[in-house]
């Protein structure tokens, strides 16, 4: 009887540990920015890794929370931090693509690792027709 009670206790304790998860187990994403002065949040961030001979890039794509037809894409160097990490930002407003490359981007990436991308960004993006979208107060904090 004592042995059965010990087995039941062990199984119960083992089950309770396996059913609990810490916050660090879940992947989270927080991307936000002001787009032409309006605060926007982005969800469902997907991080793709592009591997080249001499370097690796991260491409982060996310959907605007209030309108799934609008998207933000940020390209940056893997394991590259600081002001020069982000080299391309693109925003799709549901009809027009706006983009900026290195010279039009201000960024400060503080983490760019196999598990997390974190930093700030802003840019003036331009469409093919020359119209612009201003992104300010951008924050990226994505676990992947």
Protein backbone atom coordinates (compact mmCIF):
# COMPACT_ATOMS: atom_id res chain seq x y z
CA UNK A 1 0.00 0.00 0.00
CA UNK A 2 2.84 2.35 0.89
CA UNK A 3 4.47 1.60 -2.49
CA UNK A 4 1.25 2.38 -4.39
CA UNK A 5 0.87 5.67 -2.48
CA UNK A 6 4.48 6.60 -3.35
CA UNK A 7 3.90 5.83 -7.04
CA UNK A 8 0.69 7.88 -7.12
CA UNK A 9 2.46 10.80 -5.39
CA UNK A 10 5.38 10.60 -7.84
CA UNK A 11 3.05 10.54 -10.86
CA UNK A 12 1.04 13.48 -9.49
CA UNK A 13 4.16 15.56 -8.87
CA UNK A 14 5.63 14.67 -12.27
CA UNK A 15 2.37 15.57 -13.99
CA UNK A 16 2.16 18.92 -12.19
CA UNK A 17 5.69 19.85 -13.32
CA UNK A 18 5.05 18.86 -16.92
CA UNK A 19 1.77 20.75 -17.12
CA UNK A 20 3.26 24.02 -15.88
CA UNK A 21 5.26 26.24 -18.14
CA UNK A 22 7.17 29.38 -17.40
CA UNK A 23 6.66 32.61 -19.29
CA UNK A 24 10.02 32.13 -20.95
CA UNK A 25 8.73 28.97 -22.68
CA UNK A 26 6.30 30.88 -24.87
CA UNK A 27 7.33 32.89 -27.90
CA UNK A 28 6.14 36.47 -27.71
CA UNK A 29 6.27 39.45 -29.94
CA UNK A 30 5.82 43.11 -29.29
CA UNK A 31 6.20 45.39 -32.27
CA UNK A 32 4.75 48.87 -32.20
CA UNK A 33 5.32 52.18 -33.95
CA UNK A 34 3.66 55.44 -34.82
CA UNK A 35 2.70 55.40 -38.50
CA UNK A 36 2.12 58.99 -39.66
CA UNK A 37 1.51 59.89 -36.00
CA UNK A 38 -1.01 57.11 -35.22
CA UNK A 39 0.05 54.43 -32.71
CA UNK A 40 -0.01 50.96 -34.33
CA UNK A 41 0.73 47.51 -32.94
CA UNK A 42 1.76 44.46 -34.91
CA UNK A 43 1.13 40.78 -34.18
CA UNK A 44 1.94 37.31 -35.49
CA UNK A 45 5.60 38.16 -36.03
CA UNK A 46 7.47 35.63 -38.14
CA UNK A 47 11.27 35.65 -38.09
CA UNK A 48 13.01 34.13 -41.09
CA UNK A 49 16.74 33.55 -41.21
CA UNK A 50 18.54 34.18 -44.52
CA UNK A 51 21.99 32.57 -44.52
CA UNK A 52 24.67 33.82 -46.91
CA UNK A 53 28.36 32.89 -47.24
CA UNK A 54 29.71 35.65 -44.97
CA UNK A 55 26.70 36.68 -42.85
CA UNK A 56 23.15 35.87 -41.78
CA UNK A 57 20.13 38.17 -41.77
CA UNK A 58 16.82 38.14 -39.92
CA UNK A 59 13.65 39.16 -41.76
CA UNK A 60 10.82 39.99 -39.33
CA UNK A 61 7.31 40.18 -40.81
CA UNK A 62 4.27 41.16 -38.73
CA UNK A 63 0.60 42.02 -39.32
CA UNK A 64 -1.01 45.20 -38.02
CA UNK A 65 -3.40 44.28 -35.17
CA UNK A 66 -6.26 46.56 -36.24
CA UNK A 67 -6.11 45.70 -39.96
CA UNK A 68 -4.76 42.36 -41.22
CA UNK A 69 -4.19 43.79 -44.71
CA UNK A 70 -1.41 46.05 -43.35
CA UNK A 71 2.06 44.63 -42.69
CA UNK A 72 5.50 45.66 -41.49
CA UNK A 73 8.77 44.02 -42.50
CA UNK A 74 12.15 44.72 -40.86
CA UNK A 75 15.45 43.32 -42.18
CA UNK A 76 18.50 43.27 -39.93
CA UNK A 77 21.77 41.48 -39.36
CA UNK A 78 21.79 38.45 -37.10
CA UNK A 79 24.00 39.01 -34.05
CA UNK A 80 24.55 42.60 -35.20
CA UNK A 81 23.57 45.32 -32.75
CA UNK A 82 23.66 49.09 -32.77
CA UNK A 83 22.69 51.71 -35.29
CA UNK A 84 23.79 49.84 -38.43
CA UNK A 85 21.94 46.56 -37.83
CA UNK A 86 18.62 47.45 -39.55
CA UNK A 87 19.14 47.91 -43.27
CA UNK A 88 15.60 47.72 -44.71
CA UNK A 89 12.06 48.50 -43.53
CA UNK A 90 8.91 48.03 -45.58
CA UNK A 91 5.30 48.92 -44.73
CA UNK A 92 2.31 47.76 -46.77
CA UNK A 93 -0.83 49.82 -46.13
CA UNK A 94 -3.14 47.36 -47.88
CA UNK A 95 -2.66 48.98 -51.28
CA UNK A 96 0.82 50.54 -51.53
CA UNK A 97 4.30 49.38 -50.49
CA UNK A 98 6.52 51.95 -48.75
CA UNK A 99 10.16 51.25 -48.06
CA UNK A 100 13.40 52.69 -46.77
CA UNK A 101 16.93 51.40 -46.91
CA UNK A 102 19.93 52.13 -44.71
CA UNK A 103 20.26 55.89 -45.22
CA UNK A 104 16.60 56.55 -44.34
CA UNK A 105 16.55 54.43 -41.16
CA UNK A 106 17.45 55.30 -37.60
CA UNK A 107 17.72 52.24 -35.35
CA UNK A 108 19.29 50.98 -32.18
CA UNK A 109 19.18 47.19 -31.95
CA UNK A 110 20.25 46.01 -28.49
CA UNK A 111 19.78 42.27 -29.07
CA UNK A 112 19.84 40.15 -32.23
CA UNK A 113 20.31 36.52 -31.25
CA UNK A 114 19.00 33.04 -32.03
CA UNK A 115 16.20 33.61 -29.51
CA UNK A 116 15.42 37.34 -29.37
CA UNK A 117 15.41 40.58 -31.36
CA UNK A 118 15.08 43.80 -29.40
CA UNK A 119 15.54 47.48 -30.19
CA UNK A 120 14.07 50.72 -31.51
CA UNK A 121 13.62 52.12 -35.01
CA UNK A 122 12.24 55.00 -37.06
CA UNK A 123 12.26 55.82 -40.76
CA UNK A 124 10.73 57.77 -43.58
CA UNK A 125 9.46 55.25 -46.13
CA UNK A 126 8.77 56.11 -49.75
CA UNK A 127 6.50 54.48 -52.34
CA UNK A 128 7.34 54.10 -56.03
CA UNK A 129 5.18 57.15 -56.75
CA UNK A 130 7.10 59.25 -54.21
CA UNK A 131 4.53 59.44 -51.42
CA UNK A 132 5.91 58.92 -47.92
CA UNK A 133 5.00 57.27 -44.64
CA UNK A 134 6.77 58.35 -41.45
CA UNK A 135 7.50 55.75 -38.80
CA UNK A 136 8.51 57.02 -35.35
CA UNK A 137 8.86 55.51 -31.87
CA UNK A 138 9.23 52.01 -33.30
CA UNK A 139 9.88 49.24 -30.80
CA UNK A 140 10.69 45.63 -31.59
CA UNK A 141 10.87 42.96 -28.89
CA UNK A 142 10.41 39.56 -30.50
CA UNK A 143 11.22 36.13 -29.08
CA UNK A 144 11.63 33.48 -31.74
